[in-house]
N, C-alpha and C. Protein backbone atom coordinates (compact mmCIF):
# COMPACT_ATOMS: atom_id res chain seq x y z
N UNK A 1 107.46 66.13 131.29
CA UNK A 1 107.90 65.48 132.52
C UNK A 1 108.40 66.55 133.50
N UNK A 2 107.99 66.43 134.77
CA UNK A 2 108.42 67.39 135.78
C UNK A 2 109.90 67.21 136.09
N UNK A 3 110.55 68.34 136.36
CA UNK A 3 111.96 68.27 136.73
C UNK A 3 112.08 67.76 138.17
N UNK A 4 113.20 67.20 138.50
CA UNK A 4 113.43 66.73 139.86
C UNK A 4 114.50 67.60 140.49
N UNK A 5 114.10 68.84 140.82
CA UNK A 5 115.05 69.81 141.39
C UNK A 5 114.41 70.43 142.63
N UNK A 6 114.22 69.60 143.66
CA UNK A 6 113.55 70.06 144.86
C UNK A 6 114.52 70.55 145.93
N UNK A 7 115.82 70.57 145.63
CA UNK A 7 116.76 71.03 146.63
C UNK A 7 116.55 72.52 146.88
N UNK A 8 117.06 72.99 148.01
CA UNK A 8 116.89 74.40 148.35
C UNK A 8 117.58 75.28 147.32
N UNK A 9 116.86 76.31 146.86
CA UNK A 9 117.42 77.30 145.95
C UNK A 9 117.02 78.68 146.43
N UNK A 10 117.81 79.70 146.13
CA UNK A 10 117.42 81.07 146.49
C UNK A 10 116.09 81.43 145.84
N UNK A 11 115.34 82.33 146.49
CA UNK A 11 114.02 82.70 145.99
C UNK A 11 114.07 83.23 144.57
N UNK A 12 115.07 84.06 144.26
CA UNK A 12 115.17 84.64 142.91
C UNK A 12 115.36 83.55 141.86
N UNK A 13 116.14 82.53 142.22
CA UNK A 13 116.37 81.43 141.28
C UNK A 13 115.10 80.61 141.11
N UNK A 14 114.37 80.41 142.20
CA UNK A 14 113.12 79.65 142.09
C UNK A 14 112.09 80.43 141.26
N UNK A 15 112.07 81.74 141.40
CA UNK A 15 111.16 82.56 140.58
C UNK A 15 111.46 82.34 139.10
N UNK A 16 112.74 82.40 138.73
CA UNK A 16 113.10 82.20 137.34
C UNK A 16 112.75 80.78 136.88
N UNK A 17 112.94 79.82 137.78
CA UNK A 17 112.61 78.43 137.47
C UNK A 17 111.11 78.29 137.19
N UNK A 18 110.30 78.96 138.00
CA UNK A 18 108.85 78.92 137.82
C UNK A 18 108.42 79.67 136.55
N UNK A 19 109.08 80.79 136.26
CA UNK A 19 108.77 81.52 135.04
C UNK A 19 109.09 80.68 133.80
N UNK A 20 110.25 80.03 133.82
CA UNK A 20 110.61 79.16 132.69
C UNK A 20 109.61 78.02 132.56
N UNK A 21 109.21 77.45 133.69
CA UNK A 21 108.25 76.35 133.66
C UNK A 21 106.90 76.82 133.12
N UNK A 22 106.49 78.03 133.51
CA UNK A 22 105.22 78.57 133.02
C UNK A 22 105.24 78.71 131.50
N UNK A 23 106.35 79.17 130.96
CA UNK A 23 106.47 79.29 129.50
C UNK A 23 106.34 77.92 128.84
N UNK A 24 106.98 76.91 129.42
CA UNK A 24 106.90 75.55 128.86
C UNK A 24 105.47 75.03 128.90
N UNK A 25 104.78 75.26 130.03
CA UNK A 25 103.39 74.81 130.15
C UNK A 25 102.52 75.51 129.11
N UNK A 26 102.71 76.81 128.94
CA UNK A 26 101.88 77.57 128.02
C UNK A 26 102.23 77.27 126.56
N UNK A 27 103.48 76.95 126.29
CA UNK A 27 103.82 76.52 124.92
C UNK A 27 103.02 75.27 124.56
N UNK A 28 102.87 74.38 125.52
CA UNK A 28 102.19 73.10 125.25
C UNK A 28 100.67 73.25 125.22
N UNK A 29 100.12 74.09 126.11
CA UNK A 29 98.68 74.12 126.23
C UNK A 29 98.02 75.48 126.23
N UNK A 30 98.78 76.55 125.97
CA UNK A 30 98.20 77.88 125.99
C UNK A 30 98.18 78.47 127.38
N UNK A 31 97.78 79.75 127.45
CA UNK A 31 97.77 80.46 128.73
C UNK A 31 96.86 79.78 129.73
N UNK A 32 95.74 79.25 129.28
CA UNK A 32 94.79 78.63 130.19
C UNK A 32 95.35 77.41 130.90
N UNK A 33 96.38 76.80 130.34
CA UNK A 33 96.96 75.60 130.95
C UNK A 33 97.86 75.93 132.13
N UNK A 34 98.22 77.20 132.30
CA UNK A 34 99.20 77.57 133.32
C UNK A 34 98.56 77.75 134.69
N UNK A 35 98.06 76.63 135.26
CA UNK A 35 97.59 76.67 136.64
C UNK A 35 98.80 76.66 137.58
N UNK A 36 98.58 77.08 138.81
CA UNK A 36 99.70 77.08 139.75
C UNK A 36 100.25 75.68 139.96
N UNK A 37 99.36 74.70 139.98
CA UNK A 37 99.80 73.31 140.16
C UNK A 37 100.63 72.84 138.97
N UNK A 38 100.15 73.12 137.76
CA UNK A 38 100.86 72.67 136.56
C UNK A 38 102.24 73.32 136.46
N UNK A 39 102.32 74.58 136.80
CA UNK A 39 103.61 75.29 136.72
C UNK A 39 104.58 74.73 137.75
N UNK A 40 104.10 74.54 138.98
CA UNK A 40 104.97 74.00 140.02
C UNK A 40 105.46 72.60 139.66
N UNK A 41 104.55 71.78 139.15
CA UNK A 41 104.94 70.42 138.76
C UNK A 41 105.97 70.44 137.65
N UNK A 42 105.77 71.31 136.65
CA UNK A 42 106.73 71.38 135.55
C UNK A 42 108.10 71.85 136.05
N UNK A 43 108.10 72.71 137.05
CA UNK A 43 109.36 73.19 137.62
C UNK A 43 110.00 72.17 138.54
N UNK A 44 109.25 71.11 138.90
CA UNK A 44 109.78 70.14 139.84
C UNK A 44 109.80 70.66 141.26
N UNK A 45 108.86 71.53 141.59
CA UNK A 45 108.81 72.15 142.92
C UNK A 45 107.47 71.86 143.57
N UNK A 46 107.42 71.85 144.89
CA UNK A 46 106.12 71.71 145.56
C UNK A 46 105.28 72.95 145.30
N UNK A 47 103.95 72.78 145.34
CA UNK A 47 103.08 73.91 145.04
C UNK A 47 103.28 75.07 146.01
N UNK A 48 103.68 74.74 147.22
CA UNK A 48 103.94 75.80 148.19
C UNK A 48 105.05 76.73 147.75
N UNK A 49 105.99 76.21 146.98
CA UNK A 49 107.09 77.04 146.48
C UNK A 49 106.55 78.10 145.53
N UNK A 50 105.51 77.74 144.76
CA UNK A 50 104.90 78.73 143.86
C UNK A 50 104.37 79.90 144.67
N UNK A 51 103.61 79.59 145.72
CA UNK A 51 102.97 80.66 146.49
C UNK A 51 103.97 81.41 147.36
N UNK A 52 105.14 80.83 147.57
CA UNK A 52 106.21 81.56 148.25
C UNK A 52 106.79 82.63 147.32
N UNK A 53 106.85 82.30 146.03
CA UNK A 53 107.46 83.21 145.05
C UNK A 53 106.45 84.18 144.43
N UNK A 54 105.23 83.73 144.26
CA UNK A 54 104.19 84.55 143.62
C UNK A 54 102.90 84.46 144.44
N UNK A 55 102.27 85.58 144.66
CA UNK A 55 101.04 85.58 145.43
C UNK A 55 99.87 84.98 144.66
N UNK A 56 99.95 85.01 143.32
CA UNK A 56 98.86 84.51 142.50
C UNK A 56 99.36 84.21 141.10
N UNK A 57 98.50 83.58 140.31
CA UNK A 57 98.83 83.34 138.91
C UNK A 57 98.96 84.66 138.16
N UNK A 58 98.11 85.63 138.51
CA UNK A 58 98.20 86.95 137.86
C UNK A 58 99.57 87.59 138.11
N UNK A 59 100.10 87.42 139.30
CA UNK A 59 101.43 87.98 139.59
C UNK A 59 102.50 87.28 138.75
N UNK A 60 102.33 85.99 138.54
CA UNK A 60 103.25 85.25 137.66
C UNK A 60 103.17 85.81 136.25
N UNK A 61 101.95 86.03 135.74
CA UNK A 61 101.79 86.58 134.39
C UNK A 61 102.45 87.96 134.29
N UNK A 62 102.26 88.77 135.32
CA UNK A 62 102.87 90.10 135.31
C UNK A 62 104.39 89.99 135.25
N UNK A 63 104.95 89.05 136.01
CA UNK A 63 106.41 88.87 136.02
C UNK A 63 106.90 88.39 134.66
N UNK A 64 106.13 87.53 134.00
CA UNK A 64 106.52 87.08 132.66
C UNK A 64 106.56 88.23 131.68
N UNK A 65 105.54 89.11 131.74
CA UNK A 65 105.51 90.25 130.83
C UNK A 65 106.63 91.23 131.14
N UNK A 66 106.92 91.42 132.41
CA UNK A 66 108.04 92.30 132.77
C UNK A 66 109.36 91.74 132.24
N UNK A 67 109.53 90.43 132.34
CA UNK A 67 110.76 89.81 131.87
C UNK A 67 110.88 89.95 130.36
N UNK A 68 109.78 89.76 129.65
CA UNK A 68 109.80 89.91 128.20
C UNK A 68 110.08 91.36 127.82
N UNK A 69 109.52 92.31 128.57
CA UNK A 69 109.76 93.72 128.29
C UNK A 69 111.24 94.04 128.43
N UNK A 70 111.85 93.56 129.51
CA UNK A 70 113.28 93.81 129.72
C UNK A 70 114.11 93.22 128.58
N UNK A 71 113.73 92.03 128.13
CA UNK A 71 114.50 91.37 127.06
C UNK A 71 114.33 92.09 125.73
N UNK A 72 113.10 92.53 125.43
CA UNK A 72 112.84 93.12 124.12
C UNK A 72 113.28 94.57 124.02
N UNK A 73 113.59 95.20 125.15
CA UNK A 73 114.13 96.57 125.11
C UNK A 73 115.65 96.54 125.05
N UNK A 74 116.17 95.50 124.47
CA UNK A 74 117.61 95.40 124.30
C UNK A 74 118.09 96.27 123.16
N UNK A 75 118.75 95.68 122.20
CA UNK A 75 119.41 96.47 121.16
C UNK A 75 118.56 96.74 119.93
N UNK A 76 117.41 96.11 119.79
CA UNK A 76 116.64 96.24 118.55
C UNK A 76 116.36 97.70 118.19
N UNK A 77 115.79 98.43 119.15
CA UNK A 77 115.42 99.82 118.85
C UNK A 77 116.61 100.76 118.85
N UNK A 78 117.73 100.32 119.39
CA UNK A 78 118.91 101.19 119.41
C UNK A 78 119.38 101.55 118.01
N UNK A 79 118.98 100.74 117.02
CA UNK A 79 119.38 101.02 115.64
C UNK A 79 118.83 102.35 115.14
N UNK A 80 117.76 102.84 115.75
CA UNK A 80 117.19 104.14 115.36
C UNK A 80 118.24 105.24 115.47
N UNK A 81 119.08 105.14 116.49
CA UNK A 81 120.09 106.18 116.73
C UNK A 81 121.46 105.76 116.20
N UNK A 82 121.48 104.77 115.32
CA UNK A 82 122.76 104.18 114.93
C UNK A 82 123.49 104.85 113.80
N UNK A 83 122.95 105.90 113.21
CA UNK A 83 123.64 106.56 112.10
C UNK A 83 122.96 107.86 111.73
N UNK A 84 123.41 108.44 110.64
CA UNK A 84 122.85 109.74 110.23
C UNK A 84 121.57 109.61 109.44
N UNK A 85 121.34 108.46 108.82
CA UNK A 85 120.17 108.24 107.97
C UNK A 85 119.03 107.67 108.81
N UNK A 86 118.04 108.52 109.10
CA UNK A 86 116.93 108.08 109.96
C UNK A 86 116.14 106.95 109.31
N UNK A 87 115.91 107.05 108.01
CA UNK A 87 115.16 106.00 107.33
C UNK A 87 115.85 104.65 107.47
N UNK A 88 117.17 104.63 107.29
CA UNK A 88 117.91 103.38 107.44
C UNK A 88 117.86 102.88 108.87
N UNK A 89 117.92 103.78 109.83
CA UNK A 89 117.85 103.39 111.24
C UNK A 89 116.50 102.79 111.59
N UNK A 90 115.43 103.39 111.08
CA UNK A 90 114.09 102.86 111.32
C UNK A 90 113.95 101.48 110.69
N UNK A 91 114.44 101.34 109.46
CA UNK A 91 114.36 100.04 108.78
C UNK A 91 115.12 98.98 109.57
N UNK A 92 116.32 99.34 110.07
CA UNK A 92 117.11 98.38 110.83
C UNK A 92 116.42 97.99 112.13
N UNK A 93 115.80 98.97 112.80
CA UNK A 93 115.13 98.68 114.07
C UNK A 93 113.90 97.80 113.85
N UNK A 94 113.06 98.17 112.88
CA UNK A 94 111.88 97.35 112.61
C UNK A 94 112.28 95.95 112.16
N UNK A 95 113.36 95.87 111.37
CA UNK A 95 113.84 94.56 110.94
C UNK A 95 114.35 93.72 112.11
N UNK A 96 115.01 94.37 113.06
CA UNK A 96 115.53 93.64 114.23
C UNK A 96 114.39 93.14 115.11
N UNK A 97 113.35 93.95 115.27
CA UNK A 97 112.18 93.51 116.05
C UNK A 97 111.53 92.32 115.35
N UNK A 98 111.37 92.42 114.03
CA UNK A 98 110.76 91.33 113.27
C UNK A 98 111.60 90.06 113.35
N UNK A 99 112.92 90.20 113.25
CA UNK A 99 113.79 89.03 113.33
C UNK A 99 113.70 88.35 114.69
N UNK A 100 113.53 89.16 115.74
CA UNK A 100 113.38 88.57 117.09
C UNK A 100 112.13 87.72 117.16
N UNK A 101 111.05 88.18 116.56
CA UNK A 101 109.81 87.40 116.54
C UNK A 101 109.98 86.17 115.66
N UNK A 102 110.64 86.32 114.53
CA UNK A 102 110.87 85.18 113.64
C UNK A 102 111.69 84.09 114.32
N UNK A 103 112.56 84.47 115.23
CA UNK A 103 113.45 83.49 115.85
C UNK A 103 112.71 82.51 116.75
N UNK A 104 111.54 82.91 117.26
CA UNK A 104 110.77 82.02 118.14
C UNK A 104 109.30 82.43 118.07
N UNK A 105 108.65 82.14 116.95
CA UNK A 105 107.27 82.61 116.77
C UNK A 105 106.29 82.10 117.82
N UNK A 106 106.45 80.86 118.27
CA UNK A 106 105.49 80.32 119.24
C UNK A 106 105.58 81.10 120.56
N UNK A 107 106.79 81.47 120.95
CA UNK A 107 106.94 82.25 122.18
C UNK A 107 106.27 83.61 122.04
N UNK A 108 106.40 84.23 120.89
CA UNK A 108 105.83 85.56 120.72
C UNK A 108 104.31 85.51 120.54
N UNK A 109 103.80 84.43 120.00
CA UNK A 109 102.34 84.24 120.03
C UNK A 109 101.86 84.15 121.48
N UNK A 110 102.63 83.45 122.28
CA UNK A 110 102.29 83.30 123.69
C UNK A 110 102.31 84.64 124.42
N UNK A 111 103.35 85.46 124.20
CA UNK A 111 103.41 86.74 124.89
C UNK A 111 102.30 87.67 124.40
N UNK A 112 101.93 87.58 123.12
CA UNK A 112 100.81 88.38 122.62
C UNK A 112 99.52 87.98 123.33
N UNK A 113 99.36 86.67 123.54
CA UNK A 113 98.18 86.19 124.26
C UNK A 113 98.20 86.68 125.71
N UNK A 114 99.37 86.69 126.31
CA UNK A 114 99.49 87.19 127.68
C UNK A 114 99.13 88.67 127.78
N UNK A 115 99.58 89.46 126.80
CA UNK A 115 99.24 90.89 126.80
C UNK A 115 97.74 91.07 126.69
N UNK A 116 97.10 90.27 125.83
CA UNK A 116 95.65 90.37 125.68
C UNK A 116 94.94 90.00 126.98
N UNK A 117 95.43 88.95 127.66
CA UNK A 117 94.86 88.56 128.95
C UNK A 117 95.04 89.68 129.96
N UNK A 118 96.23 90.28 129.98
CA UNK A 118 96.51 91.36 130.93
C UNK A 118 95.59 92.55 130.68
N UNK A 119 95.38 92.89 129.42
CA UNK A 119 94.54 94.05 129.09
C UNK A 119 93.09 93.83 129.53
N UNK A 120 92.65 92.56 129.59
CA UNK A 120 91.28 92.26 130.00
C UNK A 120 91.13 92.05 131.50
N UNK A 121 92.24 92.00 132.23
CA UNK A 121 92.22 91.69 133.65
C UNK A 121 92.49 92.95 134.46
N UNK A 122 91.54 93.43 135.26
CA UNK A 122 91.73 94.69 135.97
C UNK A 122 93.03 94.78 136.75
N UNK A 123 93.41 93.70 137.43
CA UNK A 123 94.63 93.74 138.24
C UNK A 123 95.91 93.70 137.40
N UNK A 124 95.78 93.40 136.10
CA UNK A 124 96.96 93.31 135.23
C UNK A 124 96.97 94.38 134.14
N UNK A 125 95.91 95.15 134.02
CA UNK A 125 95.82 96.12 132.92
C UNK A 125 96.99 97.09 132.95
N UNK A 126 97.47 97.43 134.15
CA UNK A 126 98.59 98.38 134.24
C UNK A 126 99.86 97.78 133.64
N UNK A 127 99.98 96.45 133.65
CA UNK A 127 101.16 95.81 133.07
C UNK A 127 101.14 95.96 131.55
N UNK A 128 99.97 95.74 130.94
CA UNK A 128 99.84 95.91 129.50
C UNK A 128 100.11 97.36 129.10
N UNK A 129 99.60 98.30 129.89
CA UNK A 129 99.85 99.73 129.60
C UNK A 129 101.32 100.04 129.73
N UNK A 130 101.95 99.53 130.79
CA UNK A 130 103.36 99.82 131.01
C UNK A 130 104.21 99.31 129.86
N UNK A 131 103.85 98.16 129.30
CA UNK A 131 104.62 97.62 128.20
C UNK A 131 104.64 98.60 127.03
N UNK A 132 103.46 99.11 126.66
CA UNK A 132 103.39 100.03 125.53
C UNK A 132 104.11 101.35 125.84
N UNK A 133 103.93 101.85 127.05
CA UNK A 133 104.57 103.11 127.42
C UNK A 133 106.09 102.95 127.43
N UNK A 134 106.58 101.84 127.97
CA UNK A 134 108.03 101.63 128.05
C UNK A 134 108.65 101.54 126.67
N UNK A 135 108.00 100.85 125.73
CA UNK A 135 108.51 100.78 124.37
C UNK A 135 108.60 102.18 123.78
N UNK A 136 107.50 102.94 123.92
CA UNK A 136 107.47 104.29 123.34
C UNK A 136 108.54 105.18 123.96
N UNK A 137 108.72 105.08 125.27
CA UNK A 137 109.73 105.90 125.94
C UNK A 137 111.12 105.56 125.44
N UNK A 138 111.39 104.26 125.26
CA UNK A 138 112.72 103.85 124.81
C UNK A 138 112.99 104.35 123.39
N UNK A 139 112.00 104.21 122.50
CA UNK A 139 112.18 104.68 121.13
C UNK A 139 112.33 106.19 121.10
N UNK A 140 111.57 106.88 121.94
CA UNK A 140 111.70 108.34 122.03
C UNK A 140 113.12 108.73 122.44
N UNK A 141 113.70 108.00 123.38
CA UNK A 141 115.08 108.26 123.79
C UNK A 141 116.05 108.07 122.62
N UNK A 142 115.82 107.03 121.80
CA UNK A 142 116.67 106.80 120.65
C UNK A 142 116.54 107.93 119.63
N UNK A 143 115.32 108.42 119.44
CA UNK A 143 115.11 109.53 118.50
C UNK A 143 115.75 110.81 119.01
N UNK A 144 115.65 111.05 120.30
CA UNK A 144 116.32 112.22 120.88
C UNK A 144 117.82 112.12 120.72
N UNK A 145 118.36 110.91 120.91
CA UNK A 145 119.80 110.71 120.74
C UNK A 145 120.20 110.97 119.29
N UNK A 146 119.36 110.50 118.35
CA UNK A 146 119.65 110.73 116.94
C UNK A 146 119.71 112.22 116.64
N UNK A 147 118.78 112.98 117.19
CA UNK A 147 118.78 114.44 116.97
C UNK A 147 120.04 115.08 117.55
N UNK A 148 120.41 114.65 118.75
CA UNK A 148 121.59 115.22 119.39
C UNK A 148 122.86 114.87 118.62
N UNK A 149 122.96 113.63 118.14
CA UNK A 149 124.17 113.18 117.47
C UNK A 149 124.32 113.79 116.08
N UNK A 150 123.20 114.00 115.40
CA UNK A 150 123.27 114.47 114.02
C UNK A 150 123.06 115.97 113.89
N UNK A 151 122.48 116.58 114.91
CA UNK A 151 122.15 118.00 114.80
C UNK A 151 120.89 118.26 114.00
N UNK A 152 120.24 117.19 113.54
CA UNK A 152 119.00 117.32 112.79
C UNK A 152 117.84 117.54 113.75
N UNK A 153 116.76 118.07 113.20
CA UNK A 153 115.55 118.29 113.99
C UNK A 153 114.40 117.57 113.32
N UNK A 154 113.70 116.73 114.07
CA UNK A 154 112.56 116.01 113.53
C UNK A 154 111.45 116.98 113.14
N UNK A 155 110.74 116.64 112.09
CA UNK A 155 109.62 117.46 111.64
C UNK A 155 108.34 117.17 112.43
N UNK A 156 108.39 116.15 113.26
CA UNK A 156 107.24 115.77 114.10
C UNK A 156 107.76 115.56 115.51
N UNK A 157 106.89 115.64 116.53
CA UNK A 157 107.36 115.38 117.90
C UNK A 157 107.94 113.98 118.03
N UNK A 158 109.05 113.87 118.75
CA UNK A 158 109.70 112.57 118.91
C UNK A 158 108.76 111.54 119.53
N UNK A 159 107.95 111.95 120.49
CA UNK A 159 107.07 110.98 121.16
C UNK A 159 106.00 110.46 120.19
N UNK A 160 105.47 111.34 119.34
CA UNK A 160 104.46 110.90 118.38
C UNK A 160 105.07 109.90 117.40
N UNK A 161 106.29 110.18 116.94
CA UNK A 161 106.95 109.25 116.03
C UNK A 161 107.27 107.94 116.73
N UNK A 162 107.69 108.01 117.98
CA UNK A 162 108.00 106.80 118.74
C UNK A 162 106.77 105.91 118.88
N UNK A 163 105.64 106.50 119.22
CA UNK A 163 104.42 105.70 119.38
C UNK A 163 103.98 105.10 118.05
N UNK A 164 104.19 105.85 116.97
CA UNK A 164 103.84 105.33 115.65
C UNK A 164 104.73 104.16 115.27
N UNK A 165 106.02 104.27 115.60
CA UNK A 165 106.95 103.18 115.29
C UNK A 165 106.62 101.92 116.09
N UNK A 166 106.25 102.09 117.35
CA UNK A 166 105.87 100.93 118.16
C UNK A 166 104.62 100.28 117.58
N UNK A 167 103.64 101.11 117.20
CA UNK A 167 102.43 100.58 116.59
C UNK A 167 102.74 99.87 115.28
N UNK A 168 103.65 100.44 114.49
CA UNK A 168 104.03 99.83 113.22
C UNK A 168 104.70 98.48 113.44
N UNK A 169 105.58 98.41 114.43
CA UNK A 169 106.26 97.14 114.70
C UNK A 169 105.27 96.08 115.15
N UNK A 170 104.30 96.48 115.96
CA UNK A 170 103.27 95.53 116.40
C UNK A 170 102.47 95.02 115.21
N UNK A 171 102.11 95.93 114.31
CA UNK A 171 101.35 95.52 113.13
C UNK A 171 102.12 94.57 112.24
N UNK A 172 103.39 94.88 111.99
CA UNK A 172 104.20 94.03 111.10
C UNK A 172 104.40 92.65 111.72
N UNK A 173 104.73 92.61 113.01
CA UNK A 173 104.99 91.31 113.63
C UNK A 173 103.71 90.49 113.78
N UNK A 174 102.60 91.15 114.08
CA UNK A 174 101.33 90.43 114.18
C UNK A 174 100.94 89.83 112.83
N UNK A 175 101.12 90.62 111.77
CA UNK A 175 100.80 90.11 110.43
C UNK A 175 101.70 88.93 110.08
N UNK A 176 102.99 89.03 110.41
CA UNK A 176 103.89 87.93 110.10
C UNK A 176 103.54 86.67 110.88
N UNK A 177 103.18 86.84 112.15
CA UNK A 177 102.80 85.68 112.95
C UNK A 177 101.57 84.98 112.38
N UNK A 178 100.70 85.73 111.70
CA UNK A 178 99.50 85.15 111.10
C UNK A 178 99.80 84.47 109.77
N UNK A 179 100.71 85.07 108.97
CA UNK A 179 100.92 84.57 107.61
C UNK A 179 102.25 83.86 107.39
N UNK A 180 103.27 84.18 108.23
CA UNK A 180 104.65 83.71 108.07
C UNK A 180 105.18 84.06 106.67
N UNK A 181 104.73 85.18 106.13
CA UNK A 181 105.14 85.64 104.81
C UNK A 181 106.31 86.60 104.97
N UNK A 182 107.54 86.09 104.80
CA UNK A 182 108.72 86.91 104.99
C UNK A 182 108.81 88.06 103.99
N UNK A 183 108.49 87.79 102.75
CA UNK A 183 108.60 88.82 101.72
C UNK A 183 107.64 89.98 102.01
N UNK A 184 106.42 89.67 102.40
CA UNK A 184 105.45 90.72 102.70
C UNK A 184 105.89 91.53 103.91
N UNK A 185 106.42 90.86 104.92
CA UNK A 185 106.88 91.57 106.12
C UNK A 185 108.05 92.47 105.80
N UNK A 186 109.00 91.99 105.02
CA UNK A 186 110.16 92.79 104.65
C UNK A 186 109.74 94.00 103.82
N UNK A 187 108.76 93.81 102.93
CA UNK A 187 108.26 94.92 102.13
C UNK A 187 107.56 95.96 103.01
N UNK A 188 106.83 95.50 103.99
CA UNK A 188 106.17 96.43 104.92
C UNK A 188 107.19 97.25 105.69
N UNK A 189 108.25 96.59 106.16
CA UNK A 189 109.31 97.30 106.89
C UNK A 189 109.92 98.39 106.01
N UNK A 190 110.23 98.04 104.76
CA UNK A 190 110.84 99.01 103.85
C UNK A 190 109.91 100.19 103.59
N UNK A 191 108.64 99.91 103.37
CA UNK A 191 107.68 100.98 103.09
C UNK A 191 107.46 101.87 104.31
N UNK A 192 107.33 101.26 105.46
CA UNK A 192 107.15 102.05 106.69
C UNK A 192 108.37 102.92 106.97
N UNK A 193 109.55 102.36 106.80
CA UNK A 193 110.78 103.13 107.04
C UNK A 193 110.87 104.29 106.08
N UNK A 194 110.55 104.07 104.82
CA UNK A 194 110.60 105.14 103.82
C UNK A 194 109.60 106.24 104.14
N UNK A 195 108.37 105.83 104.47
CA UNK A 195 107.34 106.82 104.73
C UNK A 195 107.58 107.59 106.02
N UNK A 196 107.82 106.88 107.09
CA UNK A 196 108.00 107.54 108.39
C UNK A 196 109.33 108.27 108.47
N UNK A 197 110.38 107.63 107.97
CA UNK A 197 111.68 108.29 108.00
C UNK A 197 111.71 109.53 107.14
N UNK A 198 111.13 109.42 105.95
CA UNK A 198 111.11 110.57 105.05
C UNK A 198 110.29 111.71 105.59
N UNK A 199 109.12 111.41 106.16
CA UNK A 199 108.25 112.47 106.69
C UNK A 199 108.86 113.11 107.93
N UNK A 200 109.47 112.31 108.80
CA UNK A 200 109.95 112.83 110.07
C UNK A 200 111.29 113.57 109.93
N UNK A 201 112.08 113.21 108.92
CA UNK A 201 113.41 113.81 108.80
C UNK A 201 113.42 115.08 107.97
N UNK A 202 112.30 115.42 107.35
CA UNK A 202 112.28 116.63 106.53
C UNK A 202 112.38 117.87 107.39
């Protein structure tokens, strides 16, 4: 049912309202269901309000991915720099990323679909690239902080390890979304942390 909130709202608030509505539409019908009309109706806004806030559906998708990127670069990866034991830090970070996906699997299936759409769309491909680069940069910062705080020196370049950790987290969460096998996912996290942490900290 469409919301009945047509009163005047600031543009930033209407953008968030439309983004939330887009997620609701896509939860129900997938990315393909998120037409400008459907999103505006779900938000309880006239269609003109959509085009006031977003120039196109692609711009809406880009904003959704940017919002998810900002949310997912919160504290999960900060665990890498959280102590002297790199293996334990990696395990905690991968576990936190996995727990975030477990908390709302349907939403993360949706964002994975959005990333795939972005990667196939010329005007959005830079958004998909930015997501991967931003994750790697953030993890690299955590690894650099770990080296500074502990005085240890990684046996591999921090950026290479960061990109590997991001790829590992994507693999673990994608596998869990397919199987919902908690034990297998937890075992993968432990094995990855042992292997990567042990190799990189030597």
